[in-house]
Amino acid sequence: MTAEERQILEAKVKSAVEQIRPYLQEDGGDIAFVSLTDDYVVNVELQGHCGSCPHAMVTLKQNVQLAIQDAIPEIKSVENVRPL
């Protein structure tokens, strides 16, 4: 992907993350965009209660990842960079 394509895609991902944040914040959690890899994997950091919640991986994969992929179909996966 070119630098311009990366910049556009990152902006879309950041926008999607910002739309998801209020839902996580309602339960005392949060999420932060970290990076986008060349193979279209989004790295995020789950924070607050999401960082220690036993259901965090379910939330990440069934809610966050699906919402981002719905908005940006070329995204392959969303991964938490901090182990749960």
PDB file of N, CA and C in Angstrom:
ATOM      1  N   MET A   1       0.848  -1.162   0.000  1.00  0.00           N
ATOM      2  CA  MET A   1       0.000   0.000   0.000  1.00  0.00           C
ATOM      3  C   MET A   1       0.895   1.227   0.000  1.00  0.00           C
ATOM      4  N   THR A   2       0.482   2.216  -0.717  1.00  0.00           N
ATOM      5  CA  THR A   2       1.270   3.442  -0.807  1.00  0.00           C
ATOM      6  C   THR A   2       1.097   4.253   0.487  1.00  0.00           C
ATOM      7  N   ALA A   3       1.961   5.239   0.663  1.00  0.00           N
ATOM      8  CA  ALA A   3       1.874   6.093   1.846  1.00  0.00           C
ATOM      9  C   ALA A   3       0.536   6.833   1.884  1.00  0.00           C
ATOM     10  N   GLU A   4       0.075   7.258   0.715  1.00  0.00           N
ATOM     11  CA  GLU A   4      -1.208   7.965   0.651  1.00  0.00           C
ATOM     12  C   GLU A   4      -2.367   7.022   0.994  1.00  0.00           C
ATOM     13  N   GLU A   5      -2.331   5.799   0.466  1.00  0.00           N
ATOM     14  CA  GLU A   5      -3.373   4.813   0.770  1.00  0.00           C
ATOM     15  C   GLU A   5      -3.381   4.502   2.271  1.00  0.00           C
ATOM     16  N   ARG A   6      -2.192   4.359   2.861  1.00  0.00           N
ATOM     17  CA  ARG A   6      -2.084   4.082   4.297  1.00  0.00           C
ATOM     18  C   ARG A   6      -2.706   5.226   5.099  1.00  0.00           C
ATOM     19  N   GLN A   7      -2.396   6.449   4.711  1.00  0.00           N
ATOM     20  CA  GLN A   7      -2.903   7.614   5.420  1.00  0.00           C
ATOM     21  C   GLN A   7      -4.437   7.657   5.372  1.00  0.00           C
ATOM     22  N   ILE A   8      -5.001   7.390   4.208  1.00  0.00           N
ATOM     23  CA  ILE A   8      -6.454   7.388   4.045  1.00  0.00           C
ATOM     24  C   ILE A   8      -7.086   6.269   4.867  1.00  0.00           C
ATOM     25  N   LEU A   9      -6.491   5.075   4.794  1.00  0.00           N
ATOM     26  CA  LEU A   9      -7.026   3.928   5.521  1.00  0.00           C
ATOM     27  C   LEU A   9      -6.921   4.138   7.030  1.00  0.00           C
ATOM     28  N   GLU A  10      -5.787   4.674   7.490  1.00  0.00           N
ATOM     29  CA  GLU A  10      -5.634   4.948   8.926  1.00  0.00           C
ATOM     30  C   GLU A  10      -6.673   5.950   9.405  1.00  0.00           C
ATOM     31  N   ALA A  11      -6.955   6.955   8.613  1.00  0.00           N
ATOM     32  CA  ALA A  11      -7.968   7.948   8.984  1.00  0.00           C
ATOM     33  C   ALA A  11      -9.340   7.280   9.125  1.00  0.00           C
ATOM     34  N   LYS A  12      -9.659   6.366   8.214  1.00  0.00           N
ATOM     35  CA  LYS A  12     -10.930   5.647   8.289  1.00  0.00           C
ATOM     36  C   LYS A  12     -10.988   4.769   9.541  1.00  0.00           C
ATOM     37  N   VAL A  13      -9.873   4.085   9.834  1.00  0.00           N
ATOM     38  CA  VAL A  13      -9.820   3.212  11.007  1.00  0.00           C
ATOM     39  C   VAL A  13      -9.969   4.048  12.280  1.00  0.00           C
ATOM     40  N   LYS A  14      -9.231   5.150  12.360  1.00  0.00           N
ATOM     41  CA  LYS A  14      -9.321   6.012  13.544  1.00  0.00           C
ATOM     42  C   LYS A  14     -10.744   6.527  13.738  1.00  0.00           C
ATOM     43  N   SER A  15     -11.406   6.865  12.655  1.00  0.00           N
ATOM     44  CA  SER A  15     -12.791   7.317  12.734  1.00  0.00           C
ATOM     45  C   SER A  15     -13.697   6.210  13.266  1.00  0.00           C
ATOM     46  N   ALA A  16     -13.505   4.995  12.776  1.00  0.00           N
ATOM     47  CA  ALA A  16     -14.302   3.860  13.241  1.00  0.00           C
ATOM     48  C   ALA A  16     -14.055   3.593  14.719  1.00  0.00           C
ATOM     49  N   VAL A  17     -12.800   3.673  15.147  1.00  0.00           N
ATOM     50  CA  VAL A  17     -12.462   3.472  16.559  1.00  0.00           C
ATOM     51  C   VAL A  17     -13.153   4.539  17.416  1.00  0.00           C
ATOM     52  N   GLU A  18     -13.139   5.768  16.957  1.00  0.00           N
ATOM     53  CA  GLU A  18     -13.780   6.853  17.713  1.00  0.00           C
ATOM     54  C   GLU A  18     -15.284   6.633  17.851  1.00  0.00           C
ATOM     55  N   GLN A  19     -15.896   5.999  16.864  1.00  0.00           N
ATOM     56  CA  GLN A  19     -17.330   5.714  16.934  1.00  0.00           C
ATOM     57  C   GLN A  19     -17.630   4.589  17.916  1.00  0.00           C
ATOM     58  N   ILE A  20     -16.669   3.697  18.120  1.00  0.00           N
ATOM     59  CA  ILE A  20     -16.826   2.557  19.023  1.00  0.00           C
ATOM     60  C   ILE A  20     -16.551   2.950  20.477  1.00  0.00           C
ATOM     61  N   ARG A  21     -15.643   3.892  20.687  1.00  0.00           N
ATOM     62  CA  ARG A  21     -15.186   4.266  22.034  1.00  0.00           C
ATOM     63  C   ARG A  21     -16.312   4.549  23.031  1.00  0.00           C
ATOM     64  N   PRO A  22     -17.342   5.310  22.672  1.00  0.00           N
ATOM     65  CA  PRO A  22     -18.381   5.611  23.673  1.00  0.00           C
ATOM     66  C   PRO A  22     -19.048   4.364  24.255  1.00  0.00           C
ATOM     67  N   TYR A  23     -19.205   3.335  23.458  1.00  0.00           N
ATOM     68  CA  TYR A  23     -19.834   2.107  23.941  1.00  0.00           C
ATOM     69  C   TYR A  23     -18.950   1.401  24.967  1.00  0.00           C
ATOM     70  N   LEU A  24     -17.647   1.404  24.735  1.00  0.00           N
ATOM     71  CA  LEU A  24     -16.725   0.798  25.692  1.00  0.00           C
ATOM     72  C   LEU A  24     -16.621   1.661  26.946  1.00  0.00           C
ATOM     73  N   GLN A  25     -16.645   2.963  26.766  1.00  0.00           N
ATOM     74  CA  GLN A  25     -16.532   3.880  27.903  1.00  0.00           C
ATOM     75  C   GLN A  25     -17.734   3.774  28.833  1.00  0.00           C
ATOM     76  N   GLU A  26     -18.884   3.406  28.300  1.00  0.00           N
ATOM     77  CA  GLU A  26     -20.081   3.226  29.146  1.00  0.00           C
ATOM     78  C   GLU A  26     -19.854   2.168  30.218  1.00  0.00           C
ATOM     79  N   ASP A  27     -18.999   1.182  29.919  1.00  0.00           N
ATOM     80  CA  ASP A  27     -18.709   0.106  30.863  1.00  0.00           C
ATOM     81  C   ASP A  27     -17.364   0.277  31.554  1.00  0.00           C
ATOM     82  N   GLY A  28     -16.797   1.495  31.479  1.00  0.00           N
ATOM     83  CA  GLY A  28     -15.535   1.759  32.167  1.00  0.00           C
ATOM     84  C   GLY A  28     -14.296   1.367  31.381  1.00  0.00           C
ATOM     85  N   GLY A  29     -14.464   1.027  30.138  1.00  0.00           N
ATOM     86  CA  GLY A  29     -13.329   0.651  29.306  1.00  0.00           C
ATOM     87  C   GLY A  29     -13.005   1.738  28.301  1.00  0.00           C
ATOM     88  N   ASP A  30     -12.051   1.433  27.450  1.00  0.00           N
ATOM     89  CA  ASP A  30     -11.681   2.360  26.382  1.00  0.00           C
ATOM     90  C   ASP A  30     -10.852   1.600  25.360  1.00  0.00           C
ATOM     91  N   ILE A  31     -10.581   2.258  24.259  1.00  0.00           N
ATOM     92  CA  ILE A  31      -9.793   1.665  23.185  1.00  0.00           C
ATOM     93  C   ILE A  31      -8.985   2.770  22.528  1.00  0.00           C
ATOM     94  N   ALA A  32      -7.764   2.439  22.125  1.00  0.00           N
ATOM     95  CA  ALA A  32      -6.915   3.410  21.438  1.00  0.00           C
ATOM     96  C   ALA A  32      -6.309   2.754  20.202  1.00  0.00           C
ATOM     97  N   PHE A  33      -6.335   3.475  19.088  1.00  0.00           N
ATOM     98  CA  PHE A  33      -5.668   3.011  17.865  1.00  0.00           C
ATOM     99  C   PHE A  33      -4.171   3.056  18.106  1.00  0.00           C
ATOM    100  N   VAL A  34      -3.460   1.990  17.690  1.00  0.00           N
ATOM    101  CA  VAL A  34      -2.003   1.939  17.822  1.00  0.00           C
ATOM    102  C   VAL A  34      -1.341   1.986  16.456  1.00  0.00           C
ATOM    103  N   SER A  35      -1.746   1.065  15.562  1.00  0.00           N
ATOM    104  CA  SER A  35      -1.103   1.026  14.252  1.00  0.00           C
ATOM    105  C   SER A  35      -1.926   0.209  13.267  1.00  0.00           C
ATOM    106  N   LEU A  36      -1.538   0.329  12.015  1.00  0.00           N
ATOM    107  CA  LEU A  36      -2.101  -0.461  10.924  1.00  0.00           C
ATOM    108  C   LEU A  36      -0.935  -1.128  10.222  1.00  0.00           C
ATOM    109  N   THR A  37      -0.979  -2.443  10.090  1.00  0.00           N
ATOM    110  CA  THR A  37       0.125  -3.159   9.449  1.00  0.00           C
ATOM    111  C   THR A  37      -0.059  -3.174   7.935  1.00  0.00           C
ATOM    112  N   ASP A  38       1.005  -3.552   7.240  1.00  0.00           N
ATOM    113  CA  ASP A  38       0.955  -3.652   5.784  1.00  0.00           C
ATOM    114  C   ASP A  38      -0.001  -4.734   5.306  1.00  0.00           C
ATOM    115  N   ASP A  39      -0.290  -5.717   6.175  1.00  0.00           N
ATOM    116  CA  ASP A  39      -1.224  -6.773   5.789  1.00  0.00           C
ATOM    117  C   ASP A  39      -2.626  -6.526   6.360  1.00  0.00           C
ATOM    118  N   TYR A  40      -2.950  -5.226   6.600  1.00  0.00           N
ATOM    119  CA  TYR A  40      -4.304  -4.794   6.946  1.00  0.00           C
ATOM    120  C   TYR A  40      -4.808  -5.338   8.281  1.00  0.00           C
ATOM    121  N   VAL A  41      -3.913  -5.418   9.243  1.00  0.00           N
ATOM    122  CA  VAL A  41      -4.281  -5.763  10.615  1.00  0.00           C
ATOM    123  C   VAL A  41      -4.224  -4.475  11.430  1.00  0.00           C
ATOM    124  N   VAL A  42      -5.290  -4.209  12.160  1.00  0.00           N
ATOM    125  CA  VAL A  42      -5.354  -3.028  13.018  1.00  0.00           C
ATOM    126  C   VAL A  42      -4.928  -3.443  14.424  1.00  0.00           C
ATOM    127  N   ASN A  43      -3.950  -2.741  14.967  1.00  0.00           N
ATOM    128  CA  ASN A  43      -3.522  -2.968  16.342  1.00  0.00           C
ATOM    129  C   ASN A  43      -4.123  -1.878  17.210  1.00  0.00           C
ATOM    130  N   VAL A  44      -4.772  -2.303  18.282  1.00  0.00           N
ATOM    131  CA  VAL A  44      -5.380  -1.379  19.231  1.00  0.00           C
ATOM    132  C   VAL A  44      -4.905  -1.747  20.629  1.00  0.00           C
ATOM    133  N   GLU A  45      -5.155  -0.848  21.556  1.00  0.00           N
ATOM    134  CA  GLU A  45      -4.901  -1.151  22.958  1.00  0.00           C
ATOM    135  C   GLU A  45      -6.206  -1.009  23.713  1.00  0.00           C
ATOM    136  N   LEU A  46      -6.658  -2.098  24.317  1.00  0.00           N
ATOM    137  CA  LEU A  46      -7.839  -2.043  25.171  1.00  0.00           C
ATOM    138  C   LEU A  46      -7.397  -1.480  26.510  1.00  0.00           C
ATOM    139  N   GLN A  47      -8.160  -0.535  27.022  1.00  0.00           N
ATOM    140  CA  GLN A  47      -7.769   0.171  28.234  1.00  0.00           C
ATOM    141  C   GLN A  47      -8.888   0.128  29.262  1.00  0.00           C
ATOM    142  N   GLY A  48      -8.571   0.604  30.470  1.00  0.00           N
ATOM    143  CA  GLY A  48      -9.560   0.638  31.536  1.00  0.00           C
ATOM    144  C   GLY A  48     -10.060  -0.755  31.864  1.00  0.00           C
ATOM    145  N   HIS A  49     -11.335  -0.881  32.106  1.00  0.00           N
ATOM    146  CA  HIS A  49     -11.918  -2.180  32.446  1.00  0.00           C
ATOM    147  C   HIS A  49     -11.751  -3.192  31.313  1.00  0.00           C
ATOM    148  N   CYS A  50     -11.686  -2.718  30.080  1.00  0.00           N
ATOM    149  CA  CYS A  50     -11.499  -3.634  28.946  1.00  0.00           C
ATOM    150  C   CYS A  50     -10.135  -4.316  28.998  1.00  0.00           C
ATOM    151  N   GLY A  51      -9.179  -3.699  29.656  1.00  0.00           N
ATOM    152  CA  GLY A  51      -7.842  -4.283  29.752  1.00  0.00           C
ATOM    153  C   GLY A  51      -7.773  -5.483  30.668  1.00  0.00           C
ATOM    154  N   SER A  52      -8.756  -5.612  31.568  1.00  0.00           N
ATOM    155  CA  SER A  52      -8.732  -6.727  32.515  1.00  0.00           C
ATOM    156  C   SER A  52     -10.006  -7.564  32.507  1.00  0.00           C
ATOM    157  N   CYS A  53     -10.951  -7.211  31.679  1.00  0.00           N
ATOM    158  CA  CYS A  53     -12.232  -7.926  31.634  1.00  0.00           C
ATOM    159  C   CYS A  53     -12.067  -9.313  31.007  1.00  0.00           C
ATOM    160  N   PRO A  54     -12.661 -10.344  31.619  1.00  0.00           N
ATOM    161  CA  PRO A  54     -12.557 -11.680  31.035  1.00  0.00           C
ATOM    162  C   PRO A  54     -13.273 -11.812  29.684  1.00  0.00           C
ATOM    163  N   HIS A  55     -14.131 -10.864  29.368  1.00  0.00           N
ATOM    164  CA  HIS A  55     -14.857 -10.903  28.105  1.00  0.00           C
ATOM    165  C   HIS A  55     -14.251  -9.987  27.043  1.00  0.00           C
ATOM    166  N   ALA A  56     -13.082  -9.453  27.314  1.00  0.00           N
ATOM    167  CA  ALA A  56     -12.467  -8.472  26.420  1.00  0.00           C
ATOM    168  C   ALA A  56     -12.214  -9.028  25.020  1.00  0.00           C
ATOM    169  N   MET A  57     -11.764 -10.262  24.912  1.00  0.00           N
ATOM    170  CA  MET A  57     -11.486 -10.828  23.581  1.00  0.00           C
ATOM    171  C   MET A  57     -12.779 -11.018  22.784  1.00  0.00           C
ATOM    172  N   VAL A  58     -13.848 -11.359  23.471  1.00  0.00           N
ATOM    173  CA  VAL A  58     -15.143 -11.490  22.796  1.00  0.00           C
ATOM    174  C   VAL A  58     -15.584 -10.119  22.294  1.00  0.00           C
ATOM    175  N   THR A  59     -15.459  -9.115  23.144  1.00  0.00           N
ATOM    176  CA  THR A  59     -15.804  -7.753  22.742  1.00  0.00           C
ATOM    177  C   THR A  59     -14.948  -7.313  21.568  1.00  0.00           C
ATOM    178  N   LEU A  60     -13.654  -7.603  21.637  1.00  0.00           N
ATOM    179  CA  LEU A  60     -12.732  -7.197  20.576  1.00  0.00           C
ATOM    180  C   LEU A  60     -13.108  -7.836  19.243  1.00  0.00           C
ATOM    181  N   LYS A  61     -13.337  -9.120  19.239  1.00  0.00           N
ATOM    182  CA  LYS A  61     -13.587  -9.837  17.988  1.00  0.00           C
ATOM    183  C   LYS A  61     -15.030  -9.718  17.491  1.00  0.00           C
ATOM    184  N   GLN A  62     -15.999  -9.811  18.392  1.00  0.00           N
ATOM    185  CA  GLN A  62     -17.396  -9.824  17.956  1.00  0.00           C
ATOM    186  C   GLN A  62     -18.018  -8.439  17.846  1.00  0.00           C
ATOM    187  N   ASN A  63     -17.402  -7.451  18.446  1.00  0.00           N
ATOM    188  CA  ASN A  63     -17.965  -6.104  18.374  1.00  0.00           C
ATOM    189  C   ASN A  63     -17.032  -5.148  17.638  1.00  0.00           C
ATOM    190  N   VAL A  64     -15.852  -4.961  18.192  1.00  0.00           N
ATOM    191  CA  VAL A  64     -14.912  -3.985  17.624  1.00  0.00           C
ATOM    192  C   VAL A  64     -14.481  -4.398  16.222  1.00  0.00           C
ATOM    193  N   GLN A  65     -13.984  -5.622  16.078  1.00  0.00           N
ATOM    194  CA  GLN A  65     -13.499  -6.076  14.776  1.00  0.00           C
ATOM    195  C   GLN A  65     -14.609  -6.055  13.730  1.00  0.00           C
ATOM    196  N   LEU A  66     -15.779  -6.548  14.077  1.00  0.00           N
ATOM    197  CA  LEU A  66     -16.880  -6.579  13.107  1.00  0.00           C
ATOM    198  C   LEU A  66     -17.314  -5.171  12.706  1.00  0.00           C
ATOM    199  N   ALA A  67     -17.335  -4.244  13.660  1.00  0.00           N
ATOM    200  CA  ALA A  67     -17.719  -2.867  13.342  1.00  0.00           C
ATOM    201  C   ALA A  67     -16.699  -2.217  12.409  1.00  0.00           C
ATOM    202  N   ILE A  68     -15.423  -2.449  12.678  1.00  0.00           N
ATOM    203  CA  ILE A  68     -14.379  -1.876  11.822  1.00  0.00           C
ATOM    204  C   ILE A  68     -14.410  -2.513  10.445  1.00  0.00           C
ATOM    205  N   GLN A  69     -14.563  -3.829  10.376  1.00  0.00           N
ATOM    206  CA  GLN A  69     -14.616  -4.513   9.084  1.00  0.00           C
ATOM    207  C   GLN A  69     -15.877  -4.127   8.305  1.00  0.00           C
ATOM    208  N   ASP A  70     -16.950  -3.841   8.996  1.00  0.00           N
ATOM    209  CA  ASP A  70     -18.169  -3.398   8.318  1.00  0.00           C
ATOM    210  C   ASP A  70     -17.932  -2.044   7.654  1.00  0.00           C
ATOM    211  N   ALA A  71     -17.212  -1.171   8.349  1.00  0.00           N
ATOM    212  CA  ALA A  71     -16.911   0.160   7.806  1.00  0.00           C
ATOM    213  C   ALA A  71     -15.789   0.126   6.780  1.00  0.00           C
ATOM    214  N   ILE A  72     -14.836  -0.805   6.977  1.00  0.00           N
ATOM    215  CA  ILE A  72     -13.648  -0.870   6.123  1.00  0.00           C
ATOM    216  C   ILE A  72     -13.383  -2.349   5.796  1.00  0.00           C
ATOM    217  N   PRO A  73     -14.007  -2.870   4.753  1.00  0.00           N
ATOM    218  CA  PRO A  73     -13.947  -4.308   4.448  1.00  0.00           C
ATOM    219  C   PRO A  73     -12.546  -4.864   4.213  1.00  0.00           C
ATOM    220  N   GLU A  74     -11.591  -4.055   3.809  1.00  0.00           N
ATOM    221  CA  GLU A  74     -10.255  -4.567   3.536  1.00  0.00           C
ATOM    222  C   GLU A  74      -9.469  -4.918   4.805  1.00  0.00           C
ATOM    223  N   ILE A  75      -9.964  -4.522   5.983  1.00  0.00           N
ATOM    224  CA  ILE A  75      -9.289  -4.863   7.237  1.00  0.00           C
ATOM    225  C   ILE A  75      -9.457  -6.359   7.496  1.00  0.00           C
ATOM    226  N   LYS A  76      -8.330  -7.019   7.751  1.00  0.00           N
ATOM    227  CA  LYS A  76      -8.340  -8.485   7.957  1.00  0.00           C
ATOM    228  C   LYS A  76      -8.627  -8.873   9.393  1.00  0.00           C
ATOM    229  N   SER A  77      -8.103  -8.076  10.351  1.00  0.00           N
ATOM    230  CA  SER A  77      -8.218  -8.442  11.750  1.00  0.00           C
ATOM    231  C   SER A  77      -7.968  -7.221  12.623  1.00  0.00           C
ATOM    232  N   VAL A  78      -8.470  -7.282  13.853  1.00  0.00           N
ATOM    233  CA  VAL A  78      -8.166  -6.271  14.856  1.00  0.00           C
ATOM    234  C   VAL A  78      -7.577  -7.010  16.040  1.00  0.00           C
ATOM    235  N   GLU A  79      -6.406  -6.572  16.475  1.00  0.00           N
ATOM    236  CA  GLU A  79      -5.675  -7.254  17.539  1.00  0.00           C
ATOM    237  C   GLU A  79      -5.348  -6.295  18.673  1.00  0.00           C
ATOM    238  N   ASN A  80      -5.389  -6.799  19.896  1.00  0.00           N
ATOM    239  CA  ASN A  80      -4.986  -6.025  21.054  1.00  0.00           C
ATOM    240  C   ASN A  80      -3.472  -6.165  21.224  1.00  0.00           C
ATOM    241  N   VAL A  81      -2.761  -5.054  21.356  1.00  0.00           N
ATOM    242  CA  VAL A  81      -1.304  -5.122  21.462  1.00  0.00           C
ATOM    243  C   VAL A  81      -0.837  -5.417  22.866  1.00  0.00           C
ATOM    244  N   ARG A  82      -1.716  -5.249  23.838  1.00  0.00           N
ATOM    245  CA  ARG A  82      -1.369  -5.549  25.220  1.00  0.00           C
ATOM    246  C   ARG A  82      -2.062  -6.845  25.617  1.00  0.00           C
ATOM    247  N   PRO A  83      -1.312  -7.855  26.020  1.00  0.00           N
ATOM    248  CA  PRO A  83      -1.940  -9.143  26.367  1.00  0.00           C
ATOM    249  C   PRO A  83      -2.977  -8.984  27.477  1.00  0.00           C
ATOM    250  N   LEU A  84      -4.067  -9.712  27.339  1.00  0.00           N
ATOM    251  CA  LEU A  84      -5.129  -9.665  28.350  1.00  0.00           C
ATOM    252  C   LEU A  84      -4.868 -10.690  29.429  1.00  0.00           C
TER     253      LEU A  84
END
